[in-house]
């Protein structure tokens, strides 16, 4: 696929189509890899972004209770040691 380099302020950039962004799940950031005469753009996934804040909020509102019983309570874990 061929695409043009465009002027962005005092810099230049590469415009990616909505289709490419969706297909490769590119959101806010990409990792730029320079390798053997190639430039590789790799999506950066942040699936756990802001979890710490959300867990803290759950704890403060006392909404951080277990949803199911301990699944290992009747297991003999000693045999795995």
N, C-alpha and C. Protein backbone atom coordinates (compact mmCIF):
# COMPACT_ATOMS: atom_id res chain seq x y z
N UNK A 1 0.84 -1.16 0.00
CA UNK A 1 0.00 0.00 0.00
C UNK A 1 0.89 1.24 0.00
N UNK A 2 0.59 2.17 -0.84
CA UNK A 2 1.34 3.42 -0.90
C UNK A 2 0.51 4.53 -0.28
N UNK A 3 1.18 5.37 0.51
CA UNK A 3 0.51 6.51 1.13
C UNK A 3 1.47 7.70 1.15
N UNK A 4 0.94 8.89 1.27
CA UNK A 4 1.75 10.10 1.23
C UNK A 4 2.12 10.57 2.63
N UNK A 5 3.28 11.21 2.70
CA UNK A 5 3.69 11.89 3.92
C UNK A 5 3.07 13.28 3.86
N UNK A 6 2.42 13.70 4.95
CA UNK A 6 1.72 14.98 4.95
C UNK A 6 2.35 15.95 5.95
N UNK A 7 2.14 17.24 5.72
CA UNK A 7 2.65 18.27 6.62
C UNK A 7 1.68 18.40 7.79
N UNK A 8 2.25 18.39 8.99
CA UNK A 8 1.47 18.58 10.22
C UNK A 8 2.22 19.63 11.03
N UNK A 9 1.78 20.89 10.94
CA UNK A 9 2.49 21.98 11.60
C UNK A 9 3.89 22.10 11.02
N UNK A 10 4.90 22.10 11.88
CA UNK A 10 6.29 22.17 11.43
C UNK A 10 6.87 20.78 11.15
N UNK A 11 6.08 19.76 11.38
CA UNK A 11 6.54 18.38 11.20
C UNK A 11 5.86 17.75 9.99
N UNK A 12 6.15 16.50 9.79
CA UNK A 12 5.47 15.71 8.76
C UNK A 12 4.99 14.44 9.40
N UNK A 13 3.95 13.86 8.83
CA UNK A 13 3.38 12.67 9.44
C UNK A 13 2.77 11.75 8.40
N UNK A 14 2.23 10.69 8.88
CA UNK A 14 1.61 9.67 8.06
C UNK A 14 0.16 9.55 8.50
N UNK A 15 -0.76 9.64 7.59
CA UNK A 15 -2.18 9.53 7.90
C UNK A 15 -2.61 8.09 7.67
N UNK A 16 -3.24 7.49 8.69
CA UNK A 16 -3.75 6.13 8.58
C UNK A 16 -5.26 6.18 8.45
N UNK A 17 -5.80 5.40 7.56
CA UNK A 17 -7.24 5.39 7.34
C UNK A 17 -7.98 4.76 8.52
N UNK A 18 -9.25 5.08 8.63
CA UNK A 18 -10.09 4.51 9.68
C UNK A 18 -10.12 2.98 9.57
N UNK A 19 -10.11 2.48 8.36
CA UNK A 19 -10.13 1.03 8.12
C UNK A 19 -8.89 0.36 8.70
N UNK A 20 -7.73 0.94 8.47
CA UNK A 20 -6.48 0.38 8.99
C UNK A 20 -6.46 0.46 10.51
N UNK A 21 -6.88 1.60 11.06
CA UNK A 21 -6.91 1.77 12.52
C UNK A 21 -7.79 0.71 13.16
N UNK A 22 -8.94 0.46 12.56
CA UNK A 22 -9.88 -0.53 13.11
C UNK A 22 -9.33 -1.95 12.94
N UNK A 23 -8.83 -2.27 11.76
CA UNK A 23 -8.34 -3.62 11.47
C UNK A 23 -7.22 -4.03 12.42
N UNK A 24 -6.31 -3.10 12.74
CA UNK A 24 -5.17 -3.42 13.58
C UNK A 24 -5.33 -2.93 15.02
N UNK A 25 -6.53 -2.49 15.35
CA UNK A 25 -6.87 -2.04 16.70
C UNK A 25 -5.87 -0.99 17.21
N UNK A 26 -5.60 0.00 16.38
CA UNK A 26 -4.71 1.09 16.76
C UNK A 26 -5.57 2.19 17.37
N UNK A 27 -5.22 2.59 18.59
CA UNK A 27 -6.02 3.60 19.29
C UNK A 27 -5.23 4.87 19.48
N UNK A 28 -4.60 5.05 20.63
CA UNK A 28 -3.92 6.31 20.94
C UNK A 28 -2.44 6.31 20.62
N UNK A 29 -1.79 5.16 20.77
CA UNK A 29 -0.34 5.11 20.62
C UNK A 29 0.07 3.90 19.81
N UNK A 30 1.24 4.00 19.18
CA UNK A 30 1.86 2.86 18.50
C UNK A 30 3.33 2.81 18.92
N UNK A 31 3.89 1.63 18.87
CA UNK A 31 5.31 1.46 19.08
C UNK A 31 5.98 1.59 17.72
N UNK A 32 7.00 2.41 17.64
CA UNK A 32 7.73 2.62 16.40
C UNK A 32 9.01 1.79 16.46
N UNK A 33 9.13 0.83 15.55
CA UNK A 33 10.28 -0.08 15.53
C UNK A 33 11.08 0.19 14.26
N UNK A 34 12.36 0.53 14.42
CA UNK A 34 13.25 0.77 13.28
C UNK A 34 14.12 -0.47 13.13
N UNK A 35 13.97 -1.14 11.99
CA UNK A 35 14.62 -2.43 11.84
C UNK A 35 15.01 -2.69 10.39
N UNK A 36 16.30 -2.87 10.13
CA UNK A 36 16.81 -3.26 8.82
C UNK A 36 16.18 -2.48 7.67
N UNK A 37 16.24 -1.15 7.74
CA UNK A 37 15.72 -0.33 6.65
C UNK A 37 14.20 -0.27 6.59
N UNK A 38 13.54 -0.71 7.64
CA UNK A 38 12.08 -0.69 7.69
C UNK A 38 11.61 0.09 8.91
N UNK A 39 10.42 0.65 8.80
CA UNK A 39 9.76 1.26 9.95
C UNK A 39 8.50 0.43 10.20
N UNK A 40 8.39 -0.09 11.40
CA UNK A 40 7.24 -0.93 11.76
C UNK A 40 6.43 -0.21 12.82
N UNK A 41 5.13 -0.09 12.60
CA UNK A 41 4.22 0.47 13.59
C UNK A 41 3.49 -0.68 14.25
N UNK A 42 3.57 -0.74 15.57
CA UNK A 42 2.94 -1.83 16.32
C UNK A 42 1.96 -1.23 17.32
N UNK A 43 0.70 -1.67 17.28
CA UNK A 43 -0.28 -1.14 18.24
C UNK A 43 0.15 -1.40 19.68
N UNK A 44 -0.14 -0.44 20.55
CA UNK A 44 0.12 -0.60 21.98
C UNK A 44 -1.23 -0.79 22.65
N UNK A 45 -1.42 -1.94 23.23
CA UNK A 45 -2.68 -2.23 23.93
C UNK A 45 -2.52 -1.87 25.40
N UNK A 46 -3.54 -1.26 25.96
CA UNK A 46 -3.55 -0.92 27.39
C UNK A 46 -4.83 -1.44 28.02
N UNK A 47 -5.01 -2.76 28.05
CA UNK A 47 -6.28 -3.28 28.54
C UNK A 47 -6.55 -3.02 30.01
N UNK A 48 -5.50 -2.77 30.81
CA UNK A 48 -5.70 -2.57 32.24
C UNK A 48 -5.48 -1.12 32.66
N UNK A 49 -5.53 -0.21 31.70
CA UNK A 49 -5.33 1.20 31.99
C UNK A 49 -6.38 1.69 32.98
N UNK A 50 -5.95 2.42 33.99
CA UNK A 50 -6.81 3.01 35.03
C UNK A 50 -7.42 2.00 35.99
N UNK A 51 -6.99 0.74 35.96
CA UNK A 51 -7.55 -0.25 36.88
C UNK A 51 -7.30 0.15 38.33
N UNK A 52 -6.12 0.69 38.62
CA UNK A 52 -5.78 1.05 40.00
C UNK A 52 -6.80 2.05 40.57
N UNK A 53 -7.15 3.06 39.78
CA UNK A 53 -8.14 4.06 40.22
C UNK A 53 -9.51 3.41 40.43
N UNK A 54 -9.89 2.55 39.51
CA UNK A 54 -11.20 1.91 39.61
C UNK A 54 -11.28 0.96 40.81
N UNK A 55 -10.19 0.23 41.09
CA UNK A 55 -10.16 -0.65 42.26
C UNK A 55 -10.24 0.16 43.54
N UNK A 56 -9.55 1.29 43.58
CA UNK A 56 -9.59 2.15 44.76
C UNK A 56 -11.01 2.66 44.98
N UNK A 57 -11.66 3.08 43.91
CA UNK A 57 -13.04 3.58 44.01
C UNK A 57 -13.98 2.46 44.49
N UNK A 58 -13.80 1.24 43.96
CA UNK A 58 -14.61 0.11 44.40
C UNK A 58 -14.41 -0.15 45.89
N UNK A 59 -13.15 -0.08 46.35
CA UNK A 59 -12.87 -0.31 47.75
C UNK A 59 -13.51 0.77 48.63
N UNK A 60 -13.42 2.01 48.21
CA UNK A 60 -14.00 3.11 48.97
C UNK A 60 -15.52 2.99 49.07
N UNK A 61 -16.15 2.47 48.03
CA UNK A 61 -17.61 2.32 48.05
C UNK A 61 -18.03 0.94 48.57
N UNK A 62 -17.04 0.18 49.07
CA UNK A 62 -17.26 -1.17 49.61
C UNK A 62 -17.95 -2.09 48.59
N UNK A 63 -17.53 -1.95 47.35
CA UNK A 63 -18.10 -2.75 46.27
C UNK A 63 -17.08 -3.77 45.74
N UNK A 64 -16.09 -4.10 46.56
CA UNK A 64 -15.04 -5.02 46.11
C UNK A 64 -15.14 -6.37 46.81
N UNK A 65 -16.32 -6.91 46.85
CA UNK A 65 -16.56 -8.21 47.48
C UNK A 65 -16.38 -9.34 46.46
N UNK A 66 -16.04 -10.52 46.96
CA UNK A 66 -15.93 -11.68 46.08
C UNK A 66 -17.29 -12.02 45.50
N UNK A 67 -17.33 -12.36 44.24
CA UNK A 67 -18.58 -12.71 43.58
C UNK A 67 -18.86 -14.21 43.62
N UNK A 68 -17.84 -14.98 43.97
CA UNK A 68 -18.03 -16.43 44.08
C UNK A 68 -17.16 -16.94 45.22
N UNK A 69 -17.51 -18.08 45.74
CA UNK A 69 -16.74 -18.67 46.83
C UNK A 69 -15.35 -19.05 46.35
N UNK A 70 -14.48 -19.22 47.31
CA UNK A 70 -13.12 -19.64 47.01
C UNK A 70 -13.16 -20.99 46.31
N UNK A 71 -12.72 -21.05 45.09
CA UNK A 71 -12.81 -22.29 44.31
C UNK A 71 -11.82 -23.35 44.79
N UNK A 72 -10.84 -22.96 45.61
CA UNK A 72 -9.84 -23.90 46.08
C UNK A 72 -10.05 -24.33 47.53
N UNK A 73 -11.15 -23.95 48.14
CA UNK A 73 -11.31 -24.23 49.57
C UNK A 73 -11.36 -25.73 49.89
N UNK A 74 -11.78 -26.56 48.97
CA UNK A 74 -11.83 -27.99 49.24
C UNK A 74 -10.70 -28.75 48.55
N UNK A 75 -9.74 -28.04 48.00
CA UNK A 75 -8.61 -28.67 47.33
C UNK A 75 -7.50 -28.97 48.32
N UNK A 76 -6.77 -30.04 48.07
CA UNK A 76 -5.60 -30.36 48.84
C UNK A 76 -4.39 -29.78 48.11
N UNK A 77 -4.03 -28.56 48.48
CA UNK A 77 -2.95 -27.86 47.78
C UNK A 77 -1.58 -28.37 48.18
N UNK A 78 -1.49 -29.09 49.28
CA UNK A 78 -0.19 -29.62 49.75
C UNK A 78 0.45 -30.54 48.73
N UNK A 79 -0.37 -31.27 47.97
CA UNK A 79 0.21 -32.22 47.01
C UNK A 79 0.91 -31.53 45.84
N UNK A 80 0.69 -30.22 45.68
CA UNK A 80 1.31 -29.47 44.60
C UNK A 80 2.62 -28.82 45.04
N UNK A 81 2.90 -28.87 46.32
CA UNK A 81 4.11 -28.20 46.83
C UNK A 81 5.32 -29.09 46.70
